[in-house]
Amino acid sequence: MQPNLARRKLLNGGVISGPSISFPSPEIVQQALQYDFDFLWLEWQHGGWSEPTLSAALSCFIGTQTAPIVRIPGLDPLCIGRLLDLGALGIVVPMVETAEQCEQAVQAAKFPPRGGRSATGFRNALQGGNDYFHYVEHANDEILVIVMVETPTGVGNVREMMAVPDVDCVLIGPYDLSRSVGAASIEDDLVQDLVAEVADASKETGVAAGYVTGSLEQAKHRVDQGFRLVNPGHDLGELRSLFETMKKGCDSLDGR
């Protein structure tokens, strides 16, 4: 099956990065894949993706070295298994607060004996001359499991969550975290104290922590804090910025 170089890099102590894509466009995915990001994050929870568009986009990753990861709407084992069947090499599970929920995510993502995922091999099993049995034998080593902490309860349980085997990364969702404590900004001191707690837990346990960033500058700042999964940007923000620049240029053409 396709090796998950992003997972291997993360488990070896490296930093992985890639943009999130919310528009349900396999064509955008094809364009992004030309640049060899560690991963592309397909944003199903808050984006416009459907199962058919996700399936079309995931087929674009065959033969590439970029890992396809999908943020799912919630902790649904059937949803997780289905996405992995379609070719995802990683899942991002939102709003996780306990070690028990982490274990449920891992159980859904891994084949027995580690988990309870139903044996299959729809897409990834067909690559490189391999077969269904090869995929089932090796898939557990390639599936990236990322859980999100977005509440004070989740942060309070972060060390127990990181202790769950095969939880590869605990990822901060800063906007939901700030709202959960009534803060007006993600830069509020209370929010930053919670962020620092997750970074400290990562350093203590060796399990990667991530932070949903929106620019290269933010990504660099969080990497300096010890976070090892970050986003250099998102298609929504980048396209808006591009169109704003275009509009200014168009206005200048007629002397405005």
C-alpha atoms as a PDB file:
ATOM      1  CA  MET A   1       0.000   0.000   0.000  1.00  0.00           C
ATOM      2  CA  GLN A   2       1.003   3.631  -0.290  1.00  0.00           C
ATOM      3  CA  PRO A   3       3.472   4.473   2.508  1.00  0.00           C
ATOM      4  CA  ASN A   4       2.450   7.286   4.826  1.00  0.00           C
ATOM      5  CA  LEU A   5       5.636   9.343   4.875  1.00  0.00           C
ATOM      6  CA  ALA A   6       3.950  12.039   6.984  1.00  0.00           C
ATOM      7  CA  ARG A   7       3.208   9.579   9.783  1.00  0.00           C
ATOM      8  CA  ARG A   8       6.731   8.194   9.709  1.00  0.00           C
ATOM      9  CA  LYS A   9       8.192  11.689   9.828  1.00  0.00           C
ATOM     10  CA  LEU A  10       5.962  12.685  12.738  1.00  0.00           C
ATOM     11  CA  LEU A  11       6.745   9.550  14.739  1.00  0.00           C
ATOM     12  CA  ASN A  12      10.452  10.164  14.178  1.00  0.00           C
ATOM     13  CA  GLY A  13      10.191  13.587  15.800  1.00  0.00           C
ATOM     14  CA  GLY A  14       9.811  15.697  12.669  1.00  0.00           C
ATOM     15  CA  VAL A  15       7.446  18.542  11.794  1.00  0.00           C
ATOM     16  CA  ILE A  16       4.756  17.948   9.183  1.00  0.00           C
ATOM     17  CA  SER A  17       2.765  20.617   7.405  1.00  0.00           C
ATOM     18  CA  GLY A  18       0.160  21.012   4.718  1.00  0.00           C
ATOM     19  CA  PRO A  19      -2.810  23.182   3.746  1.00  0.00           C
ATOM     20  CA  SER A  20      -6.437  22.450   4.384  1.00  0.00           C
ATOM     21  CA  ILE A  21      -8.867  22.370   1.472  1.00  0.00           C
ATOM     22  CA  SER A  22     -12.529  23.153   2.107  1.00  0.00           C
ATOM     23  CA  PHE A  23     -13.817  23.587  -1.431  1.00  0.00           C
ATOM     24  CA  PRO A  24     -15.041  20.194  -2.708  1.00  0.00           C
ATOM     25  CA  SER A  25     -12.781  20.252  -5.746  1.00  0.00           C
ATOM     26  CA  PRO A  26     -10.587  17.332  -6.869  1.00  0.00           C
ATOM     27  CA  GLU A  27      -9.030  19.811  -9.306  1.00  0.00           C
ATOM     28  CA  ILE A  28      -7.730  21.966  -6.445  1.00  0.00           C
ATOM     29  CA  VAL A  29      -6.351  18.805  -4.841  1.00  0.00           C
ATOM     30  CA  GLN A  30      -4.589  17.912  -8.096  1.00  0.00           C
ATOM     31  CA  GLN A  31      -2.984  21.345  -8.209  1.00  0.00           C
ATOM     32  CA  ALA A  32      -1.866  21.174  -4.570  1.00  0.00           C
ATOM     33  CA  LEU A  33      -0.370  17.714  -5.068  1.00  0.00           C
ATOM     34  CA  GLN A  34       2.196  19.168  -7.471  1.00  0.00           C
ATOM     35  CA  TYR A  35       4.017  20.772  -4.524  1.00  0.00           C
ATOM     36  CA  ASP A  36       4.782  17.701  -2.382  1.00  0.00           C
ATOM     37  CA  PHE A  37       3.324  18.862   0.931  1.00  0.00           C
ATOM     38  CA  ASP A  38       3.612  16.351   3.761  1.00  0.00           C
ATOM     39  CA  PHE A  39      -0.174  16.108   3.759  1.00  0.00           C
ATOM     40  CA  LEU A  40      -3.298  17.684   2.348  1.00  0.00           C
ATOM     41  CA  TRP A  41      -6.115  18.164   4.840  1.00  0.00           C
ATOM     42  CA  LEU A  42      -9.551  17.662   3.260  1.00  0.00           C
ATOM     43  CA  GLU A  43     -11.943  19.641   5.442  1.00  0.00           C
ATOM     44  CA  TRP A  44     -15.150  17.623   5.648  1.00  0.00           C
ATOM     45  CA  GLN A  45     -16.364  18.855   9.043  1.00  0.00           C
ATOM     46  CA  HIS A  46     -16.752  22.486   7.987  1.00  0.00           C
ATOM     47  CA  GLY A  47     -16.114  22.284   4.248  1.00  0.00           C
ATOM     48  CA  GLY A  48     -18.242  21.450   1.234  1.00  0.00           C
ATOM     49  CA  TRP A  49     -17.079  17.862   0.719  1.00  0.00           C
ATOM     50  CA  SER A  50     -19.438  14.924   0.208  1.00  0.00           C
ATOM     51  CA  GLU A  51     -18.605  11.236  -0.046  1.00  0.00           C
ATOM     52  CA  PRO A  52     -18.526  11.296  -3.886  1.00  0.00           C
ATOM     53  CA  THR A  53     -16.274  14.369  -4.037  1.00  0.00           C
ATOM     54  CA  LEU A  54     -14.019  12.984  -1.294  1.00  0.00           C
ATOM     55  CA  SER A  55     -13.720   9.707  -3.188  1.00  0.00           C
ATOM     56  CA  ALA A  56     -12.759  11.549  -6.366  1.00  0.00           C
ATOM     57  CA  ALA A  57     -10.207  13.663  -4.508  1.00  0.00           C
ATOM     58  CA  LEU A  58      -8.692  10.700  -2.653  1.00  0.00           C
ATOM     59  CA  SER A  59      -8.121   8.907  -5.956  1.00  0.00           C
ATOM     60  CA  CYS A  60      -5.794  11.780  -6.940  1.00  0.00           C
ATOM     61  CA  PHE A  61      -3.302  10.777  -4.227  1.00  0.00           C
ATOM     62  CA  ILE A  62      -2.493   7.396  -5.762  1.00  0.00           C
ATOM     63  CA  GLY A  63       1.180   7.313  -6.683  1.00  0.00           C
ATOM     64  CA  THR A  64       2.052  10.483  -4.743  1.00  0.00           C
ATOM     65  CA  GLN A  65       4.072  10.929  -1.556  1.00  0.00           C
ATOM     66  CA  THR A  66       1.573  13.340   0.033  1.00  0.00           C
ATOM     67  CA  ALA A  67      -0.670  11.824   2.699  1.00  0.00           C
ATOM     68  CA  PRO A  68      -4.405  12.454   2.383  1.00  0.00           C
ATOM     69  CA  ILE A  69      -5.992  13.212   5.749  1.00  0.00           C
ATOM     70  CA  VAL A  70      -9.635  14.078   6.352  1.00  0.00           C
ATOM     71  CA  ARG A  71     -11.230  15.966   9.225  1.00  0.00           C
ATOM     72  CA  ILE A  72     -14.426  14.067   9.845  1.00  0.00           C
ATOM     73  CA  PRO A  73     -17.655  15.514  11.268  1.00  0.00           C
ATOM     74  CA  GLY A  74     -17.448  13.485  14.486  1.00  0.00           C
ATOM     75  CA  LEU A  75     -16.402  10.263  16.171  1.00  0.00           C
ATOM     76  CA  ASP A  76     -18.318   7.798  14.002  1.00  0.00           C
ATOM     77  CA  PRO A  77     -16.613   4.405  13.479  1.00  0.00           C
ATOM     78  CA  LEU A  78     -18.561   3.696  10.300  1.00  0.00           C
ATOM     79  CA  CYS A  79     -17.533   7.083   8.867  1.00  0.00           C
ATOM     80  CA  ILE A  80     -13.881   6.486   9.774  1.00  0.00           C
ATOM     81  CA  GLY A  81     -13.807   3.044   8.220  1.00  0.00           C
ATOM     82  CA  ARG A  82     -15.526   4.266   5.077  1.00  0.00           C
ATOM     83  CA  LEU A  83     -13.034   7.105   4.542  1.00  0.00           C
ATOM     84  CA  LEU A  84     -10.082   4.763   5.012  1.00  0.00           C
ATOM     85  CA  ASP A  85     -11.666   2.383   2.516  1.00  0.00           C
ATOM     86  CA  LEU A  86     -11.815   5.241   0.011  1.00  0.00           C
ATOM     87  CA  GLY A  87      -8.084   5.902   0.405  1.00  0.00           C
ATOM     88  CA  ALA A  88      -7.527   8.307   3.296  1.00  0.00           C
ATOM     89  CA  LEU A  89      -4.269   7.718   5.166  1.00  0.00           C
ATOM     90  CA  GLY A  90      -5.224   9.801   8.170  1.00  0.00           C
ATOM     91  CA  ILE A  91      -8.196  11.062  10.145  1.00  0.00           C
ATOM     92  CA  VAL A  92      -8.665  14.205  12.225  1.00  0.00           C
ATOM     93  CA  VAL A  93     -11.314  13.669  14.899  1.00  0.00           C
ATOM     94  CA  PRO A  94     -12.805  16.894  16.332  1.00  0.00           C
ATOM     95  CA  MET A  95     -13.972  17.660  19.871  1.00  0.00           C
ATOM     96  CA  VAL A  96     -12.205  14.816  21.683  1.00  0.00           C
ATOM     97  CA  GLU A  97     -12.032  15.171  25.466  1.00  0.00           C
ATOM     98  CA  THR A  98     -11.116  11.796  26.962  1.00  0.00           C
ATOM     99  CA  ALA A  99      -8.759   8.862  26.625  1.00  0.00           C
ATOM    100  CA  GLU A 100     -11.823   6.650  26.083  1.00  0.00           C
ATOM    101  CA  GLN A 101     -12.783   8.666  23.001  1.00  0.00           C
ATOM    102  CA  CYS A 102      -9.193   8.412  21.752  1.00  0.00           C
ATOM    103  CA  GLU A 103      -9.351   4.643  22.094  1.00  0.00           C
ATOM    104  CA  GLN A 104     -12.633   4.594  20.151  1.00  0.00           C
ATOM    105  CA  ALA A 105     -10.972   6.519  17.319  1.00  0.00           C
ATOM    106  CA  VAL A 106      -8.008   4.148  17.208  1.00  0.00           C
ATOM    107  CA  GLN A 107     -10.303   1.117  17.332  1.00  0.00           C
ATOM    108  CA  ALA A 108     -12.207   2.440  14.322  1.00  0.00           C
ATOM    109  CA  ALA A 109      -9.039   3.201  12.341  1.00  0.00           C
ATOM    110  CA  LYS A 110      -7.071  -0.009  12.944  1.00  0.00           C
ATOM    111  CA  PHE A 111      -7.626  -3.590  11.852  1.00  0.00           C
ATOM    112  CA  PRO A 112      -7.585  -6.407  14.447  1.00  0.00           C
ATOM    113  CA  PRO A 113      -5.878  -7.257  16.660  1.00  0.00           C
ATOM    114  CA  ARG A 114      -5.309  -3.553  17.540  1.00  0.00           C
ATOM    115  CA  GLY A 115      -8.719  -2.337  16.498  1.00  0.00           C
ATOM    116  CA  GLY A 116     -12.068  -3.357  15.139  1.00  0.00           C
ATOM    117  CA  ARG A 117     -12.035  -1.967  11.602  1.00  0.00           C
ATOM    118  CA  SER A 118     -13.794  -4.245   9.152  1.00  0.00           C
ATOM    119  CA  ALA A 119     -11.374  -5.946   6.751  1.00  0.00           C
ATOM    120  CA  THR A 120     -11.325  -4.315   3.351  1.00  0.00           C
ATOM    121  CA  GLY A 121      -9.051  -3.115   0.604  1.00  0.00           C
ATOM    122  CA  PHE A 122     -11.114  -1.079  -1.831  1.00  0.00           C
ATOM    123  CA  ARG A 123      -8.577   1.473  -3.100  1.00  0.00           C
ATOM    124  CA  ASN A 124      -5.175   1.368  -1.395  1.00  0.00           C
ATOM    125  CA  ALA A 125      -4.964  -2.408  -1.703  1.00  0.00           C
ATOM    126  CA  LEU A 126      -4.846  -2.094  -5.483  1.00  0.00           C
ATOM    127  CA  GLN A 127      -1.598  -0.106  -5.642  1.00  0.00           C
ATOM    128  CA  GLY A 128       1.852  -1.323  -6.610  1.00  0.00           C
ATOM    129  CA  GLY A 129       0.822  -4.819  -7.561  1.00  0.00           C
ATOM    130  CA  ASN A 130      -0.285  -5.599  -3.994  1.00  0.00           C
ATOM    131  CA  ASP A 131      -3.520  -7.250  -2.987  1.00  0.00           C
ATOM    132  CA  TYR A 132      -6.181  -7.172  -0.317  1.00  0.00           C
ATOM    133  CA  PHE A 133      -4.194  -9.342   2.091  1.00  0.00           C
ATOM    134  CA  HIS A 134      -1.075  -7.166   1.838  1.00  0.00           C
ATOM    135  CA  TYR A 135      -3.153  -4.068   2.604  1.00  0.00           C
ATOM    136  CA  VAL A 136      -4.845  -5.570   5.654  1.00  0.00           C
ATOM    137  CA  GLU A 137      -1.474  -6.795   6.947  1.00  0.00           C
ATOM    138  CA  HIS A 138       0.269  -3.415   6.682  1.00  0.00           C
ATOM    139  CA  ALA A 139      -2.430  -0.718   6.929  1.00  0.00           C
ATOM    140  CA  ASN A 140      -2.183  -0.292  10.716  1.00  0.00           C
ATOM    141  CA  ASP A 141       1.379   1.000  10.301  1.00  0.00           C
ATOM    142  CA  GLU A 142       0.309   3.678   7.815  1.00  0.00           C
ATOM    143  CA  ILE A 143      -2.915   5.171   9.226  1.00  0.00           C
ATOM    144  CA  LEU A 144      -2.380   8.499  10.995  1.00  0.00           C
ATOM    145  CA  VAL A 145      -4.723   9.105  13.943  1.00  0.00           C
ATOM    146  CA  ILE A 146      -5.086  12.743  15.009  1.00  0.00           C
ATOM    147  CA  VAL A 147      -7.457  13.863  17.770  1.00  0.00           C
ATOM    148  CA  MET A 148      -8.424  17.450  18.471  1.00  0.00           C
ATOM    149  CA  VAL A 149      -8.586  19.158  21.867  1.00  0.00           C
ATOM    150  CA  GLU A 150     -10.943  22.128  21.742  1.00  0.00           C
ATOM    151  CA  THR A 151     -12.155  22.480  25.337  1.00  0.00           C
ATOM    152  CA  PRO A 152     -10.578  22.923  28.786  1.00  0.00           C
ATOM    153  CA  THR A 153     -11.726  19.378  29.621  1.00  0.00           C
ATOM    154  CA  GLY A 154      -9.751  18.023  26.686  1.00  0.00           C
ATOM    155  CA  VAL A 155      -6.668  19.983  27.683  1.00  0.00           C
ATOM    156  CA  GLY A 156      -7.024  18.755  31.262  1.00  0.00           C
ATOM    157  CA  ASN A 157      -7.019  15.161  30.017  1.00  0.00           C
ATOM    158  CA  VAL A 158      -4.321  15.628  27.398  1.00  0.00           C
ATOM    159  CA  ARG A 159      -1.666  13.479  29.067  1.00  0.00           C
ATOM    160  CA  GLU A 160      -4.087  10.564  29.417  1.00  0.00           C
ATOM    161  CA  MET A 161      -5.092  11.046  25.777  1.00  0.00           C
ATOM    162  CA  MET A 162      -1.466  11.021  24.661  1.00  0.00           C
ATOM    163  CA  ALA A 163      -0.945   7.784  26.597  1.00  0.00           C
ATOM    164  CA  VAL A 164      -3.396   5.909  24.350  1.00  0.00           C
ATOM    165  CA  PRO A 165      -1.360   3.711  21.977  1.00  0.00           C
ATOM    166  CA  ASP A 166      -1.542   4.752  18.309  1.00  0.00           C
ATOM    167  CA  VAL A 167      -2.766   8.272  19.003  1.00  0.00           C
ATOM    168  CA  ASP A 168      -0.192   9.947  16.783  1.00  0.00           C
ATOM    169  CA  CYS A 169      -0.991  13.607  17.420  1.00  0.00           C
ATOM    170  CA  VAL A 170      -3.150  15.748  19.695  1.00  0.00           C
ATOM    171  CA  LEU A 171      -4.158  18.843  17.759  1.00  0.00           C
ATOM    172  CA  ILE A 172      -5.362  22.162  19.161  1.00  0.00           C
ATOM    173  CA  GLY A 173      -8.362  23.812  17.532  1.00  0.00           C
ATOM    174  CA  PRO A 174      -7.690  27.363  18.756  1.00  0.00           C
ATOM    175  CA  TYR A 175     -10.953  29.040  17.798  1.00  0.00           C
ATOM    176  CA  ASP A 176     -13.218  26.506  19.486  1.00  0.00           C
ATOM    177  CA  LEU A 177     -10.834  26.423  22.450  1.00  0.00           C
ATOM    178  CA  SER A 178     -11.063  30.187  22.864  1.00  0.00           C
ATOM    179  CA  ARG A 179     -14.845  30.176  22.588  1.00  0.00           C
ATOM    180  CA  SER A 180     -15.129  27.355  25.110  1.00  0.00           C
ATOM    181  CA  VAL A 181     -13.546  29.571  27.775  1.00  0.00           C
ATOM    182  CA  GLY A 182     -15.383  32.742  26.741  1.00  0.00           C
ATOM    183  CA  ALA A 183     -12.272  34.463  25.420  1.00  0.00           C
ATOM    184  CA  ALA A 184     -12.558  37.197  22.824  1.00  0.00           C
ATOM    185  CA  SER A 185      -9.355  36.163  21.053  1.00  0.00           C
ATOM    186  CA  ILE A 186      -7.142  33.127  20.625  1.00  0.00           C
ATOM    187  CA  GLU A 187      -4.348  35.333  21.999  1.00  0.00           C
ATOM    188  CA  ASP A 188      -6.121  35.693  25.354  1.00  0.00           C
ATOM    189  CA  ASP A 189      -3.841  34.739  28.251  1.00  0.00           C
ATOM    190  CA  LEU A 190      -6.209  32.004  29.432  1.00  0.00           C
ATOM    191  CA  VAL A 191      -6.194  30.389  25.977  1.00  0.00           C
ATOM    192  CA  GLN A 192      -2.425  30.645  25.705  1.00  0.00           C
ATOM    193  CA  ASP A 193      -2.028  28.977  29.095  1.00  0.00           C
ATOM    194  CA  LEU A 194      -4.059  26.031  27.796  1.00  0.00           C
ATOM    195  CA  VAL A 195      -1.990  25.969  24.596  1.00  0.00           C
ATOM    196  CA  ALA A 196       1.213  25.901  26.636  1.00  0.00           C
ATOM    197  CA  GLU A 197      -0.162  22.985  28.666  1.00  0.00           C
ATOM    198  CA  VAL A 198      -0.584  20.906  25.510  1.00  0.00           C
ATOM    199  CA  ALA A 199       2.911  21.825  24.299  1.00  0.00           C
ATOM    200  CA  ASP A 200       4.365  20.849  27.683  1.00  0.00           C
ATOM    201  CA  ALA A 201       2.498  17.530  27.635  1.00  0.00           C
ATOM    202  CA  SER A 202       3.926  16.778  24.204  1.00  0.00           C
ATOM    203  CA  LYS A 203       7.466  17.429  25.394  1.00  0.00           C
ATOM    204  CA  GLU A 204       6.930  15.213  28.437  1.00  0.00           C
ATOM    205  CA  THR A 205       5.295  12.287  26.624  1.00  0.00           C
ATOM    206  CA  GLY A 206       6.998  12.459  23.241  1.00  0.00           C
ATOM    207  CA  VAL A 207       3.614  12.325  21.489  1.00  0.00           C
ATOM    208  CA  ALA A 208       3.251  15.025  18.861  1.00  0.00           C
ATOM    209  CA  ALA A 209       1.073  18.075  19.426  1.00  0.00           C
ATOM    210  CA  GLY A 210      -0.352  20.118  16.572  1.00  0.00           C
ATOM    211  CA  TYR A 211      -1.945  23.530  16.153  1.00  0.00           C
ATOM    212  CA  VAL A 212      -4.343  24.644  13.431  1.00  0.00           C
ATOM    213  CA  THR A 213      -2.536  27.661  11.996  1.00  0.00           C
ATOM    214  CA  GLY A 214      -3.582  29.895   9.112  1.00  0.00           C
ATOM    215  CA  SER A 215      -0.329  31.263   7.708  1.00  0.00           C
ATOM    216  CA  LEU A 216       3.339  30.470   7.407  1.00  0.00           C
ATOM    217  CA  GLU A 217       4.160  33.047  10.094  1.00  0.00           C
ATOM    218  CA  GLN A 218       1.736  31.445  12.555  1.00  0.00           C
ATOM    219  CA  ALA A 219       3.084  28.009  11.675  1.00  0.00           C
ATOM    220  CA  LYS A 220       6.666  29.072  12.409  1.00  0.00           C
ATOM    221  CA  HIS A 221       5.608  30.548  15.761  1.00  0.00           C
ATOM    222  CA  ARG A 222       3.848  27.367  16.855  1.00  0.00           C
ATOM    223  CA  VAL A 223       6.701  25.130  15.701  1.00  0.00           C
ATOM    224  CA  ASP A 224       8.993  27.239  17.887  1.00  0.00           C
ATOM    225  CA  GLN A 225       6.640  26.413  20.783  1.00  0.00           C
ATOM    226  CA  GLY A 226       7.057  22.706  20.131  1.00  0.00           C
ATOM    227  CA  PHE A 227       4.069  21.922  17.922  1.00  0.00           C
ATOM    228  CA  ARG A 228       4.846  19.470  15.125  1.00  0.00           C
ATOM    229  CA  LEU A 229       1.738  19.533  12.914  1.00  0.00           C
ATOM    230  CA  VAL A 230       0.797  22.888  11.423  1.00  0.00           C
ATOM    231  CA  ASN A 231      -0.951  24.436   8.424  1.00  0.00           C
ATOM    232  CA  PRO A 232       0.738  27.073   6.245  1.00  0.00           C
ATOM    233  CA  GLY A 233      -2.656  28.167   4.935  1.00  0.00           C
ATOM    234  CA  HIS A 234      -6.173  27.259   3.824  1.00  0.00           C
ATOM    235  CA  ASP A 235      -7.806  27.514   0.436  1.00  0.00           C
ATOM    236  CA  LEU A 236     -10.598  29.765   1.773  1.00  0.00           C
ATOM    237  CA  GLY A 237      -8.226  32.418   3.095  1.00  0.00           C
ATOM    238  CA  GLU A 238      -5.735  32.194   0.257  1.00  0.00           C
ATOM    239  CA  LEU A 239      -8.391  32.604  -2.435  1.00  0.00           C
ATOM    240  CA  ARG A 240      -9.962  35.543  -0.618  1.00  0.00           C
ATOM    241  CA  SER A 241      -6.569  37.242  -0.405  1.00  0.00           C
ATOM    242  CA  LEU A 242      -5.927  36.537  -4.077  1.00  0.00           C
ATOM    243  CA  PHE A 243      -9.250  38.035  -5.168  1.00  0.00           C
ATOM    244  CA  GLU A 244      -8.731  41.106  -2.976  1.00  0.00           C
ATOM    245  CA  THR A 245      -5.361  41.673  -4.655  1.00  0.00           C
ATOM    246  CA  MET A 246      -6.926  41.172  -8.080  1.00  0.00           C
ATOM    247  CA  LYS A 247      -9.692  43.659  -7.314  1.00  0.00           C
ATOM    248  CA  LYS A 248      -7.207  46.311  -6.242  1.00  0.00           C
ATOM    249  CA  GLY A 249      -5.324  45.749  -9.458  1.00  0.00           C
ATOM    250  CA  CYS A 250      -8.503  45.979 -11.528  1.00  0.00           C
ATOM    251  CA  ASP A 251      -9.517  49.201  -9.802  1.00  0.00           C
ATOM    252  CA  SER A 252      -6.152  50.711 -10.672  1.00  0.00           C
ATOM    253  CA  LEU A 253      -6.713  50.008 -14.378  1.00  0.00           C
ATOM    254  CA  ASP A 254      -9.401  52.653 -14.668  1.00  0.00           C
ATOM    255  CA  GLY A 255      -7.724  55.172 -12.420  1.00  0.00           C
ATOM    256  CA  ARG A 256      -9.734  54.584  -9.247  1.00  0.00           C
END
